């Protein structure tokens, strides 16, 4: 069973999904390959949709510059 959480800030909207199984992901922000259970879909203020890793999600939520 997956869990979903939606948040907003000055960088846009974030939808975090935690899955039961690990999967591979290449983050659209840091461009690093990841094996994770957490996927974040980021819709920027310009309307672009990106899949990002949990680390980039945390940095964007903390207010650190892009």
N, C-alpha and C. Protein backbone atom coordinates (compact mmCIF):
# COMPACT_ATOMS: atom_id res chain seq x y z
N UNK A 1 0.85 -1.18 0.00
CA UNK A 1 0.00 0.00 0.00
C UNK A 1 0.89 1.24 0.00
N UNK A 2 0.67 2.16 -0.92
CA UNK A 2 1.48 3.38 -0.96
C UNK A 2 0.77 4.52 -0.25
N UNK A 3 1.58 5.45 0.23
CA UNK A 3 1.07 6.62 0.93
C UNK A 3 1.47 7.86 0.14
N UNK A 4 0.58 8.84 0.05
CA UNK A 4 0.83 10.05 -0.71
C UNK A 4 0.64 11.27 0.17
N UNK A 5 1.53 12.26 -0.03
CA UNK A 5 1.46 13.52 0.72
C UNK A 5 1.71 14.67 -0.26
N UNK A 6 0.90 15.71 -0.20
CA UNK A 6 1.04 16.86 -1.08
C UNK A 6 1.42 18.09 -0.26
N UNK A 7 2.44 18.84 -0.72
CA UNK A 7 2.85 20.08 -0.07
C UNK A 7 3.09 21.15 -1.13
N UNK A 8 3.09 22.40 -0.70
CA UNK A 8 3.34 23.55 -1.58
C UNK A 8 4.33 24.48 -0.89
N UNK A 9 5.15 25.18 -1.69
CA UNK A 9 5.94 26.30 -1.18
C UNK A 9 6.29 27.19 -2.36
N UNK A 10 7.25 28.09 -2.19
CA UNK A 10 7.61 29.04 -3.25
C UNK A 10 8.17 28.38 -4.49
N UNK A 11 8.64 27.13 -4.38
CA UNK A 11 9.21 26.41 -5.53
C UNK A 11 8.16 25.67 -6.34
N UNK A 12 6.95 25.51 -5.80
CA UNK A 12 5.89 24.81 -6.53
C UNK A 12 5.15 23.82 -5.66
N UNK A 13 4.56 22.82 -6.31
CA UNK A 13 3.79 21.78 -5.62
C UNK A 13 4.57 20.47 -5.65
N UNK A 14 4.52 19.74 -4.55
CA UNK A 14 5.22 18.47 -4.42
C UNK A 14 4.23 17.39 -4.02
N UNK A 15 4.27 16.26 -4.71
CA UNK A 15 3.46 15.10 -4.36
C UNK A 15 4.43 13.97 -4.08
N UNK A 16 4.55 13.60 -2.79
CA UNK A 16 5.47 12.54 -2.38
C UNK A 16 4.68 11.25 -2.25
N UNK A 17 5.19 10.20 -2.89
CA UNK A 17 4.57 8.87 -2.81
C UNK A 17 5.58 7.90 -2.24
N UNK A 18 5.22 7.23 -1.16
CA UNK A 18 6.06 6.19 -0.56
C UNK A 18 5.46 4.85 -0.95
N UNK A 19 6.29 4.02 -1.63
CA UNK A 19 5.84 2.71 -2.11
C UNK A 19 6.32 1.60 -1.20
N UNK A 20 5.73 0.45 -1.35
CA UNK A 20 6.14 -0.72 -0.58
C UNK A 20 7.42 -1.35 -1.13
N UNK A 21 7.62 -1.27 -2.44
CA UNK A 21 8.77 -1.89 -3.11
C UNK A 21 9.74 -0.83 -3.59
N UNK A 22 11.02 -1.14 -3.57
CA UNK A 22 12.04 -0.24 -4.11
C UNK A 22 11.98 -0.24 -5.64
N UNK A 23 12.37 0.88 -6.24
CA UNK A 23 12.43 0.98 -7.69
C UNK A 23 13.57 1.92 -8.06
N UNK A 24 13.96 1.89 -9.33
CA UNK A 24 15.04 2.76 -9.82
C UNK A 24 14.46 4.06 -10.34
N UNK A 25 15.19 5.14 -10.09
CA UNK A 25 14.75 6.48 -10.48
C UNK A 25 15.98 7.32 -10.80
N UNK A 26 15.93 8.09 -11.87
CA UNK A 26 16.95 9.11 -12.14
C UNK A 26 16.29 10.44 -11.84
N UNK A 27 16.84 11.14 -10.85
CA UNK A 27 16.27 12.41 -10.40
C UNK A 27 16.41 13.47 -11.49
N UNK A 28 15.32 14.17 -11.80
CA UNK A 28 15.34 15.23 -12.81
C UNK A 28 16.01 16.51 -12.31
N UNK A 29 16.34 16.58 -11.04
CA UNK A 29 17.01 17.77 -10.51
C UNK A 29 18.51 17.55 -10.36
N UNK A 30 18.92 16.50 -9.64
CA UNK A 30 20.36 16.26 -9.42
C UNK A 30 20.95 15.31 -10.46
N UNK A 31 20.08 14.68 -11.26
CA UNK A 31 20.47 13.76 -12.34
C UNK A 31 21.21 12.52 -11.86
N UNK A 32 21.05 12.18 -10.59
CA UNK A 32 21.69 10.99 -10.02
C UNK A 32 20.73 9.81 -10.07
N UNK A 33 21.23 8.61 -10.39
CA UNK A 33 20.39 7.43 -10.32
C UNK A 33 20.18 7.03 -8.86
N UNK A 34 18.98 6.62 -8.53
CA UNK A 34 18.64 6.26 -7.15
C UNK A 34 17.87 4.95 -7.14
N UNK A 35 18.01 4.20 -6.07
CA UNK A 35 17.13 3.07 -5.76
C UNK A 35 16.40 3.48 -4.51
N UNK A 36 15.07 3.60 -4.60
CA UNK A 36 14.31 4.23 -3.54
C UNK A 36 12.91 3.66 -3.43
N UNK A 37 12.26 3.95 -2.35
CA UNK A 37 10.84 3.67 -2.18
C UNK A 37 10.02 4.96 -2.25
N UNK A 38 10.72 6.10 -2.31
CA UNK A 38 10.05 7.42 -2.28
C UNK A 38 10.23 8.10 -3.63
N UNK A 39 9.12 8.51 -4.21
CA UNK A 39 9.14 9.27 -5.45
C UNK A 39 8.41 10.58 -5.20
N UNK A 40 8.98 11.67 -5.71
CA UNK A 40 8.34 12.97 -5.57
C UNK A 40 8.11 13.55 -6.95
N UNK A 41 6.89 13.93 -7.23
CA UNK A 41 6.56 14.64 -8.46
C UNK A 41 6.47 16.11 -8.11
N UNK A 42 7.34 16.90 -8.75
CA UNK A 42 7.44 18.34 -8.47
C UNK A 42 6.86 19.09 -9.66
N UNK A 43 5.86 19.91 -9.43
CA UNK A 43 5.35 20.81 -10.45
C UNK A 43 5.86 22.20 -10.10
N UNK A 44 6.78 22.71 -10.94
CA UNK A 44 7.41 24.00 -10.67
C UNK A 44 6.41 25.13 -10.85
N UNK A 45 6.79 26.32 -10.41
CA UNK A 45 5.92 27.48 -10.57
C UNK A 45 5.74 27.83 -12.05
N UNK A 46 6.64 27.35 -12.90
CA UNK A 46 6.53 27.57 -14.35
C UNK A 46 5.67 26.50 -15.02
N UNK A 47 5.18 25.51 -14.23
CA UNK A 47 4.30 24.48 -14.76
C UNK A 47 5.00 23.23 -15.26
N UNK A 48 6.33 23.14 -15.11
CA UNK A 48 7.05 21.93 -15.51
C UNK A 48 6.86 20.85 -14.46
N UNK A 49 6.75 19.60 -14.90
CA UNK A 49 6.62 18.47 -13.98
C UNK A 49 7.91 17.67 -14.01
N UNK A 50 8.47 17.41 -12.83
CA UNK A 50 9.73 16.68 -12.72
C UNK A 50 9.60 15.61 -11.64
N UNK A 51 10.28 14.48 -11.85
CA UNK A 51 10.39 13.44 -10.82
C UNK A 51 11.71 13.65 -10.11
N UNK A 52 11.66 13.87 -8.81
CA UNK A 52 12.88 14.15 -8.06
C UNK A 52 13.03 13.17 -6.90
N UNK A 53 14.27 13.08 -6.39
CA UNK A 53 14.57 12.18 -5.28
C UNK A 53 14.19 12.83 -3.95
N UNK A 54 14.20 12.03 -2.91
CA UNK A 54 13.86 12.50 -1.57
C UNK A 54 14.84 13.56 -1.07
N UNK A 55 16.12 13.44 -1.43
CA UNK A 55 17.12 14.42 -1.02
C UNK A 55 16.85 15.80 -1.61
N UNK A 56 16.56 15.84 -2.91
CA UNK A 56 16.24 17.12 -3.56
C UNK A 56 14.94 17.69 -3.01
N UNK A 57 13.99 16.83 -2.73
CA UNK A 57 12.72 17.25 -2.12
C UNK A 57 12.99 17.94 -0.78
N UNK A 58 13.83 17.35 0.05
CA UNK A 58 14.17 17.94 1.34
C UNK A 58 14.86 19.29 1.20
N UNK A 59 15.78 19.40 0.23
CA UNK A 59 16.47 20.67 0.02
C UNK A 59 15.51 21.75 -0.45
N UNK A 60 14.59 21.40 -1.35
CA UNK A 60 13.62 22.38 -1.84
C UNK A 60 12.64 22.80 -0.75
N UNK A 61 12.25 21.88 0.11
CA UNK A 61 11.35 22.23 1.21
C UNK A 61 12.02 23.09 2.26
N UNK A 62 13.33 22.92 2.43
CA UNK A 62 14.05 23.68 3.46
C UNK A 62 14.27 25.13 3.05
N UNK A 63 13.99 25.45 1.79
CA UNK A 63 14.13 26.82 1.33
C UNK A 63 15.49 27.14 0.75
N UNK A 64 16.35 26.12 0.57
CA UNK A 64 17.67 26.38 -0.02
C UNK A 64 17.49 26.76 -1.49
N UNK A 65 18.36 27.59 -2.02
CA UNK A 65 18.21 28.06 -3.40
C UNK A 65 18.31 26.93 -4.41
N UNK A 66 17.67 27.14 -5.55
CA UNK A 66 17.71 26.17 -6.63
C UNK A 66 19.10 26.12 -7.18
